[in-house]
Amino acid sequence: MHRLVHRGDTFVIISRARGWWVVQRDPEGRGLVETDPSKQGWVPAGCLLETKVPVSVAIEEAANATRLNASNPPEQVSRTPILPLSILSTSFPGVALMEYRKKGEEELDLQKDDSLRVFKRYNHWSYVSRGILQTCISCSIIIL
């Protein structure tokens, strides 16, 4: 695999070995595996959020749950994150150490002392949720 891993990329995990995973790109998030080994590559395990179901299914489940809540505006349904129930990666509690103002649509605004659920830490970033809202933030803003 010659391309880098970018935020939002989806993969099927083929195997795991000491902090690295053999993966195959899954651009549609359906969980389908091709048998061609040339389409597989290694990625650090820490940079992927593992889900129980294919990503496209997890996103659809989250969108359906959001639609059921009539108070959500239609634009929020299209940006609904994966529900915590669909995430296989281990999680643990955290607390926001300081206020954080989102810098893009995919981020959260946080207040100091907000309770968070941390699903993944990689380098100096964490994937966290506050209620049903999820984002990646700098590890320096949370305490575990």
C-alpha atoms as a PDB file:
ATOM      1  CA  MET A   1       0.000   0.000   0.000  1.00  0.00           C
ATOM      2  CA  HIS A   2       1.791   3.127  -1.184  1.00  0.00           C
ATOM      3  CA  ARG A   3      -0.587   5.830   0.010  1.00  0.00           C
ATOM      4  CA  LEU A   4      -0.766   7.309   3.465  1.00  0.00           C
ATOM      5  CA  VAL A   5      -3.622   6.776   5.880  1.00  0.00           C
ATOM      6  CA  HIS A   6      -5.836   9.854   6.119  1.00  0.00           C
ATOM      7  CA  ARG A   7      -8.622  10.743   8.500  1.00  0.00           C
ATOM      8  CA  GLY A   8     -11.849   9.169   7.252  1.00  0.00           C
ATOM      9  CA  ASP A   9     -10.159   6.362   5.270  1.00  0.00           C
ATOM     10  CA  THR A  10     -11.738   2.951   5.808  1.00  0.00           C
ATOM     11  CA  PHE A  11     -10.021  -0.434   5.825  1.00  0.00           C
ATOM     12  CA  VAL A  12     -10.695  -4.116   6.420  1.00  0.00           C
ATOM     13  CA  ILE A  13      -8.286  -5.582   8.967  1.00  0.00           C
ATOM     14  CA  ILE A  14      -6.761  -8.777   7.549  1.00  0.00           C
ATOM     15  CA  SER A  15      -4.400  -9.649  10.432  1.00  0.00           C
ATOM     16  CA  ARG A  16      -2.687  -8.164  13.496  1.00  0.00           C
ATOM     17  CA  ALA A  17       0.955  -8.352  14.579  1.00  0.00           C
ATOM     18  CA  ARG A  18       2.704  -6.432  17.432  1.00  0.00           C
ATOM     19  CA  GLY A  19       1.214  -2.973  17.021  1.00  0.00           C
ATOM     20  CA  TRP A  20       0.782  -3.203  13.248  1.00  0.00           C
ATOM     21  CA  TRP A  21      -2.186  -4.406  11.213  1.00  0.00           C
ATOM     22  CA  VAL A  22      -2.317  -5.793   7.695  1.00  0.00           C
ATOM     23  CA  VAL A  23      -5.222  -3.983   6.055  1.00  0.00           C
ATOM     24  CA  GLN A  24      -6.946  -3.555   2.736  1.00  0.00           C
ATOM     25  CA  ARG A  25      -8.557  -0.270   1.697  1.00  0.00           C
ATOM     26  CA  ASP A  26     -12.339  -0.344   1.813  1.00  0.00           C
ATOM     27  CA  PRO A  27     -13.376   2.924   0.119  1.00  0.00           C
ATOM     28  CA  GLU A  28     -17.108   2.184   0.370  1.00  0.00           C
ATOM     29  CA  GLY A  29     -16.912   0.881   3.952  1.00  0.00           C
ATOM     30  CA  ARG A  30     -18.748  -2.353   3.144  1.00  0.00           C
ATOM     31  CA  GLY A  31     -16.240  -4.754   4.702  1.00  0.00           C
ATOM     32  CA  LEU A  32     -15.579  -6.633   1.454  1.00  0.00           C
ATOM     33  CA  VAL A  33     -12.145  -8.219   1.031  1.00  0.00           C
ATOM     34  CA  GLU A  34     -10.364  -8.776  -2.279  1.00  0.00           C
ATOM     35  CA  THR A  35      -8.086 -11.783  -2.524  1.00  0.00           C
ATOM     36  CA  ASP A  36      -5.282  -9.834  -4.256  1.00  0.00           C
ATOM     37  CA  PRO A  37      -2.453  -9.464  -1.652  1.00  0.00           C
ATOM     38  CA  SER A  38      -0.969  -6.553  -3.662  1.00  0.00           C
ATOM     39  CA  LYS A  39      -3.908  -4.440  -2.430  1.00  0.00           C
ATOM     40  CA  GLN A  40      -2.940  -5.003   1.210  1.00  0.00           C
ATOM     41  CA  GLY A  41      -0.522  -3.049   3.384  1.00  0.00           C
ATOM     42  CA  TRP A  42       0.658  -2.433   6.947  1.00  0.00           C
ATOM     43  CA  VAL A  43      -0.589   0.394   9.169  1.00  0.00           C
ATOM     44  CA  PRO A  44       0.110   1.205  12.838  1.00  0.00           C
ATOM     45  CA  ALA A  45      -2.716  -0.288  14.933  1.00  0.00           C
ATOM     46  CA  GLY A  46      -3.036   2.916  16.925  1.00  0.00           C
ATOM     47  CA  CYS A  47      -4.209   5.026  14.021  1.00  0.00           C
ATOM     48  CA  LEU A  48      -7.387   3.019  13.289  1.00  0.00           C
ATOM     49  CA  LEU A  49     -10.674   2.991  15.184  1.00  0.00           C
ATOM     50  CA  GLU A  50     -11.973  -0.582  15.016  1.00  0.00           C
ATOM     51  CA  THR A  51     -15.715  -1.157  14.575  1.00  0.00           C
ATOM     52  CA  LYS A  52     -17.901  -4.247  15.145  1.00  0.00           C
ATOM     53  CA  VAL A  53     -19.653  -3.864  11.783  1.00  0.00           C
ATOM     54  CA  PRO A  54     -18.571  -2.433   8.408  1.00  0.00           C
ATOM     55  CA  VAL A  55     -18.269   1.353   8.561  1.00  0.00           C
ATOM     56  CA  SER A  56     -21.127   1.937   6.100  1.00  0.00           C
ATOM     57  CA  VAL A  57     -23.448  -0.089   8.384  1.00  0.00           C
ATOM     58  CA  ALA A  58     -22.232   1.751  11.504  1.00  0.00           C
ATOM     59  CA  ILE A  59     -22.826   5.142   9.852  1.00  0.00           C
ATOM     60  CA  GLU A  60     -26.323   4.116   8.721  1.00  0.00           C
ATOM     61  CA  GLU A  61     -27.183   2.918  12.249  1.00  0.00           C
ATOM     62  CA  ALA A  62     -26.042   6.267  13.666  1.00  0.00           C
ATOM     63  CA  ALA A  63     -27.997   8.235  11.044  1.00  0.00           C
ATOM     64  CA  ASN A  64     -31.153   6.210  11.799  1.00  0.00           C
ATOM     65  CA  ALA A  65     -30.764   6.821  15.529  1.00  0.00           C
ATOM     66  CA  THR A  66     -30.304  10.553  14.887  1.00  0.00           C
ATOM     67  CA  ARG A  67     -33.390  10.698  12.625  1.00  0.00           C
ATOM     68  CA  LEU A  68     -35.473   9.157  15.424  1.00  0.00           C
ATOM     69  CA  ASN A  69     -34.611  12.153  17.619  1.00  0.00           C
ATOM     70  CA  ALA A  70     -36.910  14.812  16.132  1.00  0.00           C
ATOM     71  CA  SER A  71     -34.934  17.632  17.777  1.00  0.00           C
ATOM     72  CA  ASN A  72     -31.912  17.037  15.483  1.00  0.00           C
ATOM     73  CA  PRO A  73     -31.703  19.335  12.440  1.00  0.00           C
ATOM     74  CA  PRO A  74     -31.357  17.547   9.044  1.00  0.00           C
ATOM     75  CA  GLU A  75     -27.764  18.781   8.571  1.00  0.00           C
ATOM     76  CA  GLN A  76     -26.731  17.032  11.824  1.00  0.00           C
ATOM     77  CA  VAL A  77     -28.016  13.680  10.503  1.00  0.00           C
ATOM     78  CA  SER A  78     -25.514  13.825   7.621  1.00  0.00           C
ATOM     79  CA  ARG A  79     -22.610  14.421  10.080  1.00  0.00           C
ATOM     80  CA  THR A  80     -23.617  11.803  12.633  1.00  0.00           C
ATOM     81  CA  PRO A  81     -20.630   9.917  14.041  1.00  0.00           C
ATOM     82  CA  ILE A  82     -20.476   6.182  14.593  1.00  0.00           C
ATOM     83  CA  LEU A  83     -22.410   5.183  17.715  1.00  0.00           C
ATOM     84  CA  PRO A  84     -20.266   4.037  20.660  1.00  0.00           C
ATOM     85  CA  LEU A  85     -22.045   0.645  20.552  1.00  0.00           C
ATOM     86  CA  SER A  86     -20.485   0.015  17.121  1.00  0.00           C
ATOM     87  CA  ILE A  87     -16.924   0.780  18.264  1.00  0.00           C
ATOM     88  CA  LEU A  88     -14.810  -2.250  19.144  1.00  0.00           C
ATOM     89  CA  SER A  89     -11.765  -0.281  20.305  1.00  0.00           C
ATOM     90  CA  THR A  90     -11.418  -0.144  24.108  1.00  0.00           C
ATOM     91  CA  SER A  91     -12.633   3.088  25.714  1.00  0.00           C
ATOM     92  CA  PHE A  92     -12.011   4.818  29.017  1.00  0.00           C
ATOM     93  CA  PRO A  93     -13.224   8.004  30.761  1.00  0.00           C
ATOM     94  CA  GLY A  94     -11.493  11.356  30.439  1.00  0.00           C
ATOM     95  CA  VAL A  95     -12.018  15.003  31.418  1.00  0.00           C
ATOM     96  CA  ALA A  96     -11.378  18.141  29.348  1.00  0.00           C
ATOM     97  CA  LEU A  97      -8.524  20.098  30.959  1.00  0.00           C
ATOM     98  CA  MET A  98      -9.407  23.322  29.177  1.00  0.00           C
ATOM     99  CA  GLU A  99     -11.886  24.909  26.819  1.00  0.00           C
ATOM    100  CA  TYR A 100     -11.481  23.955  23.159  1.00  0.00           C
ATOM    101  CA  ARG A 101     -13.179  25.673  20.211  1.00  0.00           C
ATOM    102  CA  LYS A 102     -13.717  23.467  17.184  1.00  0.00           C
ATOM    103  CA  LYS A 103     -11.748  24.334  14.092  1.00  0.00           C
ATOM    104  CA  GLY A 104     -13.859  22.354  11.620  1.00  0.00           C
ATOM    105  CA  GLU A 105     -17.220  20.612  11.196  1.00  0.00           C
ATOM    106  CA  GLU A 106     -15.781  17.275  12.313  1.00  0.00           C
ATOM    107  CA  GLU A 107     -14.659  18.626  15.711  1.00  0.00           C
ATOM    108  CA  LEU A 108     -16.423  19.378  19.024  1.00  0.00           C
ATOM    109  CA  ASP A 109     -16.516  22.455  21.211  1.00  0.00           C
ATOM    110  CA  LEU A 110     -15.433  21.458  24.723  1.00  0.00           C
ATOM    111  CA  GLN A 111     -15.732  23.240  28.052  1.00  0.00           C
ATOM    112  CA  LYS A 112     -13.207  22.766  30.863  1.00  0.00           C
ATOM    113  CA  ASP A 113     -14.194  19.718  32.993  1.00  0.00           C
ATOM    114  CA  ASP A 114     -16.481  18.184  30.312  1.00  0.00           C
ATOM    115  CA  SER A 115     -16.732  14.422  30.842  1.00  0.00           C
ATOM    116  CA  LEU A 116     -15.480  12.514  27.799  1.00  0.00           C
ATOM    117  CA  ARG A 117     -15.176   8.929  26.609  1.00  0.00           C
ATOM    118  CA  VAL A 118     -11.791   8.284  24.963  1.00  0.00           C
ATOM    119  CA  PHE A 119     -11.913   5.551  22.317  1.00  0.00           C
ATOM    120  CA  LYS A 120      -8.467   5.866  20.770  1.00  0.00           C
ATOM    121  CA  ARG A 121      -5.161   7.637  21.430  1.00  0.00           C
ATOM    122  CA  TYR A 122      -2.527   7.884  18.713  1.00  0.00           C
ATOM    123  CA  ASN A 123       0.541  10.106  18.854  1.00  0.00           C
ATOM    124  CA  HIS A 124      -0.857  13.356  20.262  1.00  0.00           C
ATOM    125  CA  TRP A 125      -4.491  12.887  19.132  1.00  0.00           C
ATOM    126  CA  SER A 126      -7.450  11.193  20.787  1.00  0.00           C
ATOM    127  CA  TYR A 127     -10.808  10.110  19.364  1.00  0.00           C
ATOM    128  CA  VAL A 128     -13.350  11.085  22.024  1.00  0.00           C
ATOM    129  CA  SER A 129     -17.088  11.369  22.542  1.00  0.00           C
ATOM    130  CA  ARG A 130     -19.215  13.628  24.683  1.00  0.00           C
ATOM    131  CA  GLY A 131     -22.677  12.085  24.681  1.00  0.00           C
ATOM    132  CA  ILE A 132     -23.320  11.096  21.049  1.00  0.00           C
ATOM    133  CA  LEU A 133     -20.933  13.713  19.638  1.00  0.00           C
ATOM    134  CA  GLN A 134     -17.454  12.485  18.659  1.00  0.00           C
ATOM    135  CA  THR A 135     -14.240  14.024  17.390  1.00  0.00           C
ATOM    136  CA  CYS A 136     -10.451  13.806  17.304  1.00  0.00           C
ATOM    137  CA  ILE A 137      -8.706  16.273  19.641  1.00  0.00           C
ATOM    138  CA  SER A 138      -5.215  16.913  20.892  1.00  0.00           C
ATOM    139  CA  CYS A 139      -4.283  14.682  23.842  1.00  0.00           C
ATOM    140  CA  SER A 140      -3.009  17.755  25.663  1.00  0.00           C
ATOM    141  CA  ILE A 141      -6.600  18.879  26.333  1.00  0.00           C
ATOM    142  CA  ILE A 142      -7.743  15.774  28.199  1.00  0.00           C
ATOM    143  CA  ILE A 143      -6.819  13.996  31.390  1.00  0.00           C
ATOM    144  CA  LEU A 144      -7.412  10.287  31.741  1.00  0.00           C
END
